Amino acid sequence: MTAAQDTPHTTLAEAIVDSSVLMCILVGEPAAPLFITALQNTARLYVGAATRAEAWLAAFNAKGWTPKPG
């Protein structure tokens, strides 16, 4: 069993998602399954505009992507 399977399932009504959670999932860190389970067990998720921008920039840097000029 993985740690995510051992964790009791608690459903949250709502949660604010931080950019570090998004990056953890994107780069496949060991804690990613725990965050995925928590996000799946949350009825409503919120991501702020600044968090979206930070996660977007971090994702491009982490994956080595280059944005194409518009």
C-alpha atoms as a PDB file:
ATOM      1  CA  MET A   1       0.000   0.000   0.000  1.00  0.00           C
ATOM      2  CA  THR A   2       1.111   3.550  -0.690  1.00  0.00           C
ATOM      3  CA  ALA A   3       0.953   6.352   1.821  1.00  0.00           C
ATOM      4  CA  ALA A   4      -2.011   7.793  -0.075  1.00  0.00           C
ATOM      5  CA  GLN A   5      -3.926   4.538   0.344  1.00  0.00           C
ATOM      6  CA  ASP A   6      -3.161   4.461   4.069  1.00  0.00           C
ATOM      7  CA  THR A   7      -4.496   7.981   4.602  1.00  0.00           C
ATOM      8  CA  PRO A   8      -8.113   8.186   5.800  1.00  0.00           C
ATOM      9  CA  HIS A   9     -10.368   9.905   3.297  1.00  0.00           C
ATOM     10  CA  THR A  10     -11.682  13.161   4.668  1.00  0.00           C
ATOM     11  CA  THR A  11     -13.840  15.277   2.411  1.00  0.00           C
ATOM     12  CA  LEU A  12     -13.308  19.011   2.629  1.00  0.00           C
ATOM     13  CA  ALA A  13     -15.908  21.510   1.503  1.00  0.00           C
ATOM     14  CA  GLU A  14     -13.309  23.836   0.010  1.00  0.00           C
ATOM     15  CA  ALA A  15      -9.580  24.536  -0.049  1.00  0.00           C
ATOM     16  CA  ILE A  16      -7.085  27.018  -1.445  1.00  0.00           C
ATOM     17  CA  VAL A  17      -4.372  25.365  -3.541  1.00  0.00           C
ATOM     18  CA  ASP A  18      -0.814  26.654  -3.195  1.00  0.00           C
ATOM     19  CA  SER A  19       1.698  26.704  -6.048  1.00  0.00           C
ATOM     20  CA  SER A  20       3.987  24.307  -4.176  1.00  0.00           C
ATOM     21  CA  VAL A  21       1.237  21.659  -4.320  1.00  0.00           C
ATOM     22  CA  LEU A  22       0.831  22.149  -8.061  1.00  0.00           C
ATOM     23  CA  MET A  23       4.584  21.911  -8.621  1.00  0.00           C
ATOM     24  CA  CYS A  24       4.891  18.823  -6.416  1.00  0.00           C
ATOM     25  CA  ILE A  25       2.326  17.079  -8.618  1.00  0.00           C
ATOM     26  CA  LEU A  26       3.823  18.374 -11.875  1.00  0.00           C
ATOM     27  CA  VAL A  27       7.364  17.201 -11.176  1.00  0.00           C
ATOM     28  CA  GLY A  28       6.227  13.930  -9.615  1.00  0.00           C
ATOM     29  CA  GLU A  29       7.640  14.338  -6.124  1.00  0.00           C
ATOM     30  CA  PRO A  30       7.041  11.475  -3.652  1.00  0.00           C
ATOM     31  CA  ALA A  31       4.283  13.431  -1.863  1.00  0.00           C
ATOM     32  CA  ALA A  32       2.310  13.999  -5.095  1.00  0.00           C
ATOM     33  CA  PRO A  33      -0.116  11.070  -4.543  1.00  0.00           C
ATOM     34  CA  LEU A  34      -1.054  12.482  -1.133  1.00  0.00           C
ATOM     35  CA  PHE A  35      -1.850  15.874  -2.636  1.00  0.00           C
ATOM     36  CA  ILE A  36      -3.778  14.314  -5.523  1.00  0.00           C
ATOM     37  CA  THR A  37      -5.899  12.328  -3.068  1.00  0.00           C
ATOM     38  CA  ALA A  38      -6.540  15.431  -0.964  1.00  0.00           C
ATOM     39  CA  LEU A  39      -7.524  17.465  -4.037  1.00  0.00           C
ATOM     40  CA  GLN A  40      -9.843  14.703  -5.246  1.00  0.00           C
ATOM     41  CA  ASN A  41     -11.547  14.654  -1.838  1.00  0.00           C
ATOM     42  CA  THR A  42     -12.263  18.390  -1.851  1.00  0.00           C
ATOM     43  CA  ALA A  43     -15.576  19.645  -3.186  1.00  0.00           C
ATOM     44  CA  ARG A  44     -14.375  23.103  -4.236  1.00  0.00           C
ATOM     45  CA  LEU A  45     -10.796  24.163  -5.040  1.00  0.00           C
ATOM     46  CA  TYR A  46      -9.552  27.711  -5.372  1.00  0.00           C
ATOM     47  CA  VAL A  47      -6.344  28.909  -7.021  1.00  0.00           C
ATOM     48  CA  GLY A  48      -5.516  32.600  -6.753  1.00  0.00           C
ATOM     49  CA  ALA A  49      -4.291  34.637  -9.711  1.00  0.00           C
ATOM     50  CA  ALA A  50      -0.844  35.152  -8.175  1.00  0.00           C
ATOM     51  CA  THR A  51      -0.590  31.419  -7.455  1.00  0.00           C
ATOM     52  CA  ARG A  52      -1.509  30.604 -11.045  1.00  0.00           C
ATOM     53  CA  ALA A  53       1.148  32.981 -12.351  1.00  0.00           C
ATOM     54  CA  GLU A  54       3.783  31.628  -9.973  1.00  0.00           C
ATOM     55  CA  ALA A  55       2.957  28.014 -10.845  1.00  0.00           C
ATOM     56  CA  TRP A  56       3.000  28.792 -14.569  1.00  0.00           C
ATOM     57  CA  LEU A  57       6.445  30.381 -14.344  1.00  0.00           C
ATOM     58  CA  ALA A  58       7.804  27.620 -12.122  1.00  0.00           C
ATOM     59  CA  ALA A  59       6.432  24.939 -14.464  1.00  0.00           C
ATOM     60  CA  PHE A  60       8.127  26.515 -17.460  1.00  0.00           C
ATOM     61  CA  ASN A  61      11.419  26.704 -15.567  1.00  0.00           C
ATOM     62  CA  ALA A  62      11.162  23.178 -14.123  1.00  0.00           C
ATOM     63  CA  LYS A  63      10.320  21.578 -17.464  1.00  0.00           C
ATOM     64  CA  GLY A  64      12.676  23.728 -19.515  1.00  0.00           C
ATOM     65  CA  TRP A  65       9.862  25.031 -21.700  1.00  0.00           C
ATOM     66  CA  THR A  66      10.237  28.277 -23.594  1.00  0.00           C
ATOM     67  CA  PRO A  67       7.129  30.391 -24.120  1.00  0.00           C
ATOM     68  CA  LYS A  68       6.598  31.308 -27.769  1.00  0.00           C
ATOM     69  CA  PRO A  69       6.160  35.005 -28.537  1.00  0.00           C
ATOM     70  CA  GLY A  70       2.526  35.833 -29.120  1.00  0.00           C
END
